[in-house]
Amino acid sequence: MIAILIQARLGSTRAPKKVLASIGGLPMVQQVHNRAQQIWSGTRVEVIVPTGEGPEIWPDGPVWEGPYPPLNRFVAWADQHPGYGTLVRLTADCPLLDPGVSRMVLEQYFHQPTQGAFTSLALDGLDTEVFAREAILNKEPTAYEREHVTPGLRWGGAIVDLGVTLRWSVDEPADAEWADAVYRTCTYCADGTPHHTNSQTSIGGSNRVLVVDLHHRGAGDLVECRAADLLQSRMGGSVYISA
């Protein structure tokens, strides 16, 4: 079974308690949780936080408290939930997380020739990491890994590359204001409708790029992203814009 775990805490420095910033009328952590629920049908989605912070982060929400540092929290969760063999790690500072892109990362994980191989998408704002439960239970981490969870798993793992550079995560108060503006500008961005991804070589090809000005509503139905200009203002690299 699959569990999607959203890492959150109150101790951010540049934007204090940023996971509680209001994005689209809800705390950012709740918006990320809503989007995470769209990634893969039937998955368990929980916010995992330091012990004692749950009531402030999300009273009565799907929150699990565990020890510090973050890796210890993931290990403790995995130890208490042995039925979940595949873990997806997200962070609560990504209010524009794209469920379709995260689903693509999870699909690639399941197609890896080596069982339990680490697969990730390292994009600032769409970050998604997938790994086997045993991968964190059976390793001796460094101090750096205890704080950052997955560096020791990345060696030899698959990296999904969408050919773009993003600055869509919330690190500063101004970032939260920008994300809130995206939500207010485009209802599809606000409800987590995936952006379209397109292979420039063949239908279904793996060399996909993010099509920032289109959302994909399923069954080939594409609609305009009304916040495309805002999103492009924080993108670089090879950005694909539909003709």
Protein backbone atom coordinates (compact mmCIF):
# COMPACT_ATOMS: atom_id res chain seq x y z
CA MET A 1 0.00 0.00 0.00
CA ILE A 2 0.96 3.62 -0.57
CA ALA A 3 1.17 6.37 2.04
CA ILE A 4 1.67 10.03 1.15
CA LEU A 5 3.36 11.87 4.01
CA ILE A 6 3.47 15.66 4.07
CA GLN A 7 6.32 17.03 6.15
CA ALA A 8 5.37 20.15 8.15
CA ARG A 9 6.63 22.14 11.12
CA LEU A 10 6.17 25.50 12.80
CA GLY A 11 9.85 26.36 13.17
CA SER A 12 10.50 27.97 9.78
CA THR A 13 12.77 31.02 10.05
CA ARG A 14 12.37 33.19 6.93
CA ALA A 15 8.57 32.97 7.11
CA PRO A 16 7.57 32.05 10.68
CA LYS A 17 4.85 29.36 10.82
CA LYS A 18 4.59 29.52 7.04
CA VAL A 19 2.60 26.27 6.82
CA LEU A 20 -0.30 28.24 8.34
CA ALA A 21 -0.14 31.04 5.73
CA SER A 22 -3.52 31.66 4.13
CA ILE A 23 -3.55 30.48 0.51
CA GLY A 24 -6.88 30.58 -1.27
CA GLY A 25 -8.74 30.95 2.03
CA LEU A 26 -7.17 27.93 3.77
CA PRO A 27 -3.91 27.32 5.64
CA MET A 28 -1.22 26.28 3.17
CA VAL A 29 -0.78 22.85 4.79
CA GLN A 30 -4.44 22.05 4.17
CA GLN A 31 -4.19 23.12 0.53
CA VAL A 32 -1.21 20.78 0.05
CA HIS A 33 -3.16 17.96 1.71
CA ASN A 34 -6.14 18.56 -0.60
CA ARG A 35 -3.87 18.31 -3.64
CA ALA A 36 -2.07 15.24 -2.29
CA GLN A 37 -5.38 13.40 -2.05
CA GLN A 38 -5.69 13.69 -5.84
CA ILE A 39 -2.37 12.00 -6.62
CA TRP A 40 -3.29 8.33 -6.32
CA SER A 41 -6.67 6.81 -5.55
CA GLY A 42 -6.91 4.85 -2.32
CA THR A 43 -3.77 6.22 -0.69
CA ARG A 44 -3.42 7.27 2.92
CA VAL A 45 -2.46 10.96 3.20
CA GLU A 46 -1.14 12.33 6.48
CA VAL A 47 0.69 15.41 7.69
CA ILE A 48 3.59 14.41 9.93
CA VAL A 49 4.79 17.04 12.40
CA PRO A 50 7.05 17.38 15.46
CA THR A 51 5.55 16.19 18.72
CA GLY A 52 3.33 18.86 20.28
CA GLU A 53 2.79 20.92 17.12
CA GLY A 54 -0.22 19.05 15.75
CA PRO A 55 -2.99 21.02 17.52
CA GLU A 56 -1.70 24.33 16.16
CA ILE A 57 -0.85 23.10 12.66
CA TRP A 58 -4.20 21.41 12.07
CA PRO A 59 -6.66 20.88 14.95
CA ASP A 60 -8.60 17.63 14.40
CA GLY A 61 -6.87 17.15 11.02
CA PRO A 62 -5.08 14.06 9.64
CA VAL A 63 -1.92 14.88 11.58
CA TRP A 64 0.60 12.43 13.05
CA GLU A 65 3.14 13.63 15.61
CA GLY A 66 6.60 12.17 15.91
CA PRO A 67 10.14 12.85 17.13
CA TYR A 68 12.74 15.28 15.87
CA PRO A 69 14.68 15.41 13.52
CA PRO A 70 12.57 14.81 10.39
CA LEU A 71 14.10 11.46 9.38
CA ASN A 72 13.39 10.07 12.84
CA ARG A 73 9.78 11.10 12.31
CA PHE A 74 9.54 9.22 9.01
CA VAL A 75 11.23 6.17 10.51
CA ALA A 76 8.86 6.19 13.49
CA TRP A 77 5.84 6.48 11.19
CA ALA A 78 7.06 3.64 8.97
CA ASP A 79 7.82 1.48 12.01
CA GLN A 80 4.27 1.94 13.31
CA HIS A 81 2.61 1.35 9.92
CA PRO A 82 4.20 -1.81 8.48
CA GLY A 83 1.43 -2.31 5.92
CA TYR A 84 2.59 0.64 3.82
CA GLY A 85 5.48 -0.47 1.62
CA THR A 86 5.69 2.63 -0.56
CA LEU A 87 6.13 6.10 0.94
CA VAL A 88 5.74 9.41 -0.87
CA ARG A 89 7.36 12.43 0.76
CA LEU A 90 5.94 15.91 0.15
CA THR A 91 6.51 19.18 1.97
CA ALA A 92 3.86 21.57 3.23
CA ASP A 93 5.43 24.65 1.60
CA CYS A 94 4.32 23.65 -1.92
CA PRO A 95 0.77 25.05 -2.34
CA LEU A 96 1.02 24.65 -6.14
CA LEU A 97 1.90 20.97 -5.97
CA ASP A 98 0.68 19.39 -9.20
CA PRO A 99 -1.15 16.08 -8.57
CA GLY A 100 -0.61 14.97 -12.16
CA VAL A 101 3.13 15.53 -12.00
CA SER A 102 3.38 13.76 -8.63
CA ARG A 103 1.38 10.86 -10.08
CA MET A 104 3.88 10.65 -12.94
CA VAL A 105 6.73 10.36 -10.43
CA LEU A 106 4.90 7.57 -8.61
CA GLU A 107 4.24 5.75 -11.89
CA GLN A 108 7.92 5.93 -12.78
CA TYR A 109 8.81 4.53 -9.37
CA PHE A 110 6.66 1.47 -10.01
CA HIS A 111 8.31 0.98 -13.42
CA GLN A 112 11.86 0.94 -12.03
CA PRO A 113 13.63 -2.37 -12.72
CA THR A 114 14.96 -2.50 -9.15
CA GLN A 115 12.27 -3.04 -6.51
CA GLY A 116 12.15 -0.12 -4.11
CA ALA A 117 14.37 2.18 -6.19
CA PHE A 118 14.22 5.82 -5.13
CA THR A 119 12.45 8.13 -7.60
CA SER A 120 12.10 11.89 -7.28
CA LEU A 121 11.23 15.15 -8.94
CA ALA A 122 13.42 17.93 -7.59
CA LEU A 123 11.55 21.06 -8.61
CA ASP A 124 11.12 23.96 -6.20
CA GLY A 125 7.39 23.80 -5.51
CA LEU A 126 6.53 20.43 -7.09
CA ASP A 127 8.99 18.32 -5.09
CA THR A 128 7.93 14.67 -4.88
CA GLU A 129 10.01 11.78 -3.54
CA VAL A 130 9.03 8.09 -3.59
CA PHE A 131 10.87 5.31 -1.78
CA ALA A 132 10.35 1.95 -0.13
CA ARG A 133 9.54 1.77 3.58
CA GLU A 134 12.52 -0.54 4.12
CA ALA A 135 14.87 2.02 2.57
CA ILE A 136 14.67 4.27 5.61
CA LEU A 137 14.32 1.51 8.19
CA ASN A 138 17.48 -0.29 7.10
CA LYS A 139 20.06 2.45 6.86
CA GLU A 140 22.51 4.24 9.13
CA PRO A 141 21.96 7.95 8.41
CA THR A 142 24.38 10.81 8.84
CA ALA A 143 23.41 13.88 10.86
CA TYR A 144 22.66 15.71 7.61
CA GLU A 145 20.40 12.92 6.44
CA ARG A 146 18.48 12.96 9.71
CA GLU A 147 17.59 16.58 9.01
CA HIS A 148 16.87 16.23 5.27
CA VAL A 149 15.41 12.68 5.20
CA THR A 150 16.40 11.35 1.77
CA PRO A 151 19.93 12.37 0.61
CA GLY A 152 21.29 8.89 1.30
CA LEU A 153 18.58 7.33 -0.87
CA ARG A 154 19.17 9.49 -3.92
CA TRP A 155 22.37 7.81 -5.09
CA GLY A 156 21.47 5.74 -8.12
CA GLY A 157 17.80 6.70 -7.97
CA ALA A 158 15.74 7.91 -10.91
CA ILE A 159 15.21 11.63 -11.38
CA VAL A 160 12.15 12.81 -13.30
CA ASP A 161 13.15 15.81 -15.41
CA LEU A 162 10.52 18.19 -16.80
CA GLY A 163 13.09 20.49 -18.34
CA VAL A 164 12.16 23.56 -16.29
CA THR A 165 13.34 25.53 -13.30
CA LEU A 166 10.75 26.69 -10.76
CA ARG A 167 10.51 28.95 -7.72
CA TRP A 168 7.01 27.92 -6.67
CA SER A 169 7.57 26.97 -3.04
CA VAL A 170 6.84 29.34 -0.17
CA ASP A 171 10.02 30.45 1.58
CA GLU A 172 9.30 34.13 2.28
CA PRO A 173 6.07 36.00 3.14
CA ALA A 174 6.05 37.46 -0.38
CA ASP A 175 5.97 33.93 -1.80
CA ALA A 176 2.73 33.22 0.07
CA GLU A 177 1.20 36.42 -1.33
CA TRP A 178 2.22 35.33 -4.83
CA ALA A 179 0.76 31.83 -4.41
CA ASP A 180 -2.47 33.31 -3.06
CA ALA A 181 -2.66 35.54 -6.15
CA VAL A 182 -2.29 32.44 -8.37
CA TYR A 183 -5.20 30.78 -6.54
CA ARG A 184 -7.36 33.89 -6.91
CA THR A 185 -6.52 34.26 -10.61
CA CYS A 186 -7.12 30.69 -11.82
CA THR A 187 -9.80 28.38 -10.41
CA TYR A 188 -8.04 25.39 -11.96
CA CYS A 189 -4.81 26.23 -10.13
CA ALA A 190 -6.86 26.68 -6.96
CA ASP A 191 -8.52 23.27 -7.09
CA GLY A 192 -5.39 21.36 -8.11
CA THR A 193 -6.34 20.53 -11.70
CA PRO A 194 -3.06 19.20 -13.15
CA HIS A 195 -1.14 21.21 -15.68
CA HIS A 196 -0.66 19.50 -19.00
CA THR A 197 2.62 17.73 -19.67
CA ASN A 198 3.73 17.11 -23.22
CA SER A 199 6.34 14.90 -24.86
CA GLN A 200 7.92 16.63 -27.83
CA THR A 201 8.93 13.36 -29.50
CA SER A 202 5.99 10.96 -29.20
CA ILE A 203 2.63 10.48 -27.54
CA GLY A 204 3.26 9.10 -24.08
CA GLY A 205 7.00 9.72 -24.36
CA SER A 206 9.02 10.04 -21.17
CA ASN A 207 10.75 13.31 -22.12
CA ARG A 208 7.87 15.44 -20.95
CA VAL A 209 7.86 19.15 -20.25
CA LEU A 210 5.40 21.18 -18.22
CA VAL A 211 2.90 23.11 -20.35
CA VAL A 212 2.33 26.03 -18.05
CA ASP A 213 -0.54 27.68 -19.90
CA LEU A 214 -2.83 24.61 -20.06
CA HIS A 215 -4.59 22.44 -17.49
CA HIS A 216 -5.51 18.84 -18.22
CA ARG A 217 -8.97 17.90 -16.93
CA GLY A 218 -8.83 14.32 -18.20
CA ALA A 219 -9.95 12.52 -21.38
CA GLY A 220 -7.95 14.97 -23.48
CA ASP A 221 -9.84 18.01 -22.20
CA LEU A 222 -7.43 20.95 -22.04
CA VAL A 223 -8.35 24.34 -20.59
CA GLU A 224 -6.49 27.62 -20.35
CA CYS A 225 -4.53 28.45 -17.19
CA ARG A 226 -5.50 32.01 -16.32
CA ALA A 227 -2.50 32.35 -14.02
CA ALA A 228 0.05 31.38 -16.67
CA ASP A 229 1.74 34.80 -16.63
CA LEU A 230 2.12 34.66 -12.84
CA LEU A 231 3.53 31.14 -13.00
CA GLN A 232 5.94 32.03 -15.80
CA SER A 233 7.27 34.93 -13.72
CA ARG A 234 8.91 32.33 -11.47
CA MET A 235 10.09 29.86 -14.09
CA GLY A 236 13.31 29.46 -16.02
CA GLY A 237 15.02 26.89 -18.20
CA SER A 238 13.22 25.31 -21.14
CA VAL A 239 9.59 26.28 -20.58
CA TYR A 240 7.03 24.88 -23.02
CA ILE A 241 4.23 27.24 -24.02
CA SER A 242 1.53 25.85 -26.28
CA ALA A 243 1.20 27.32 -29.73
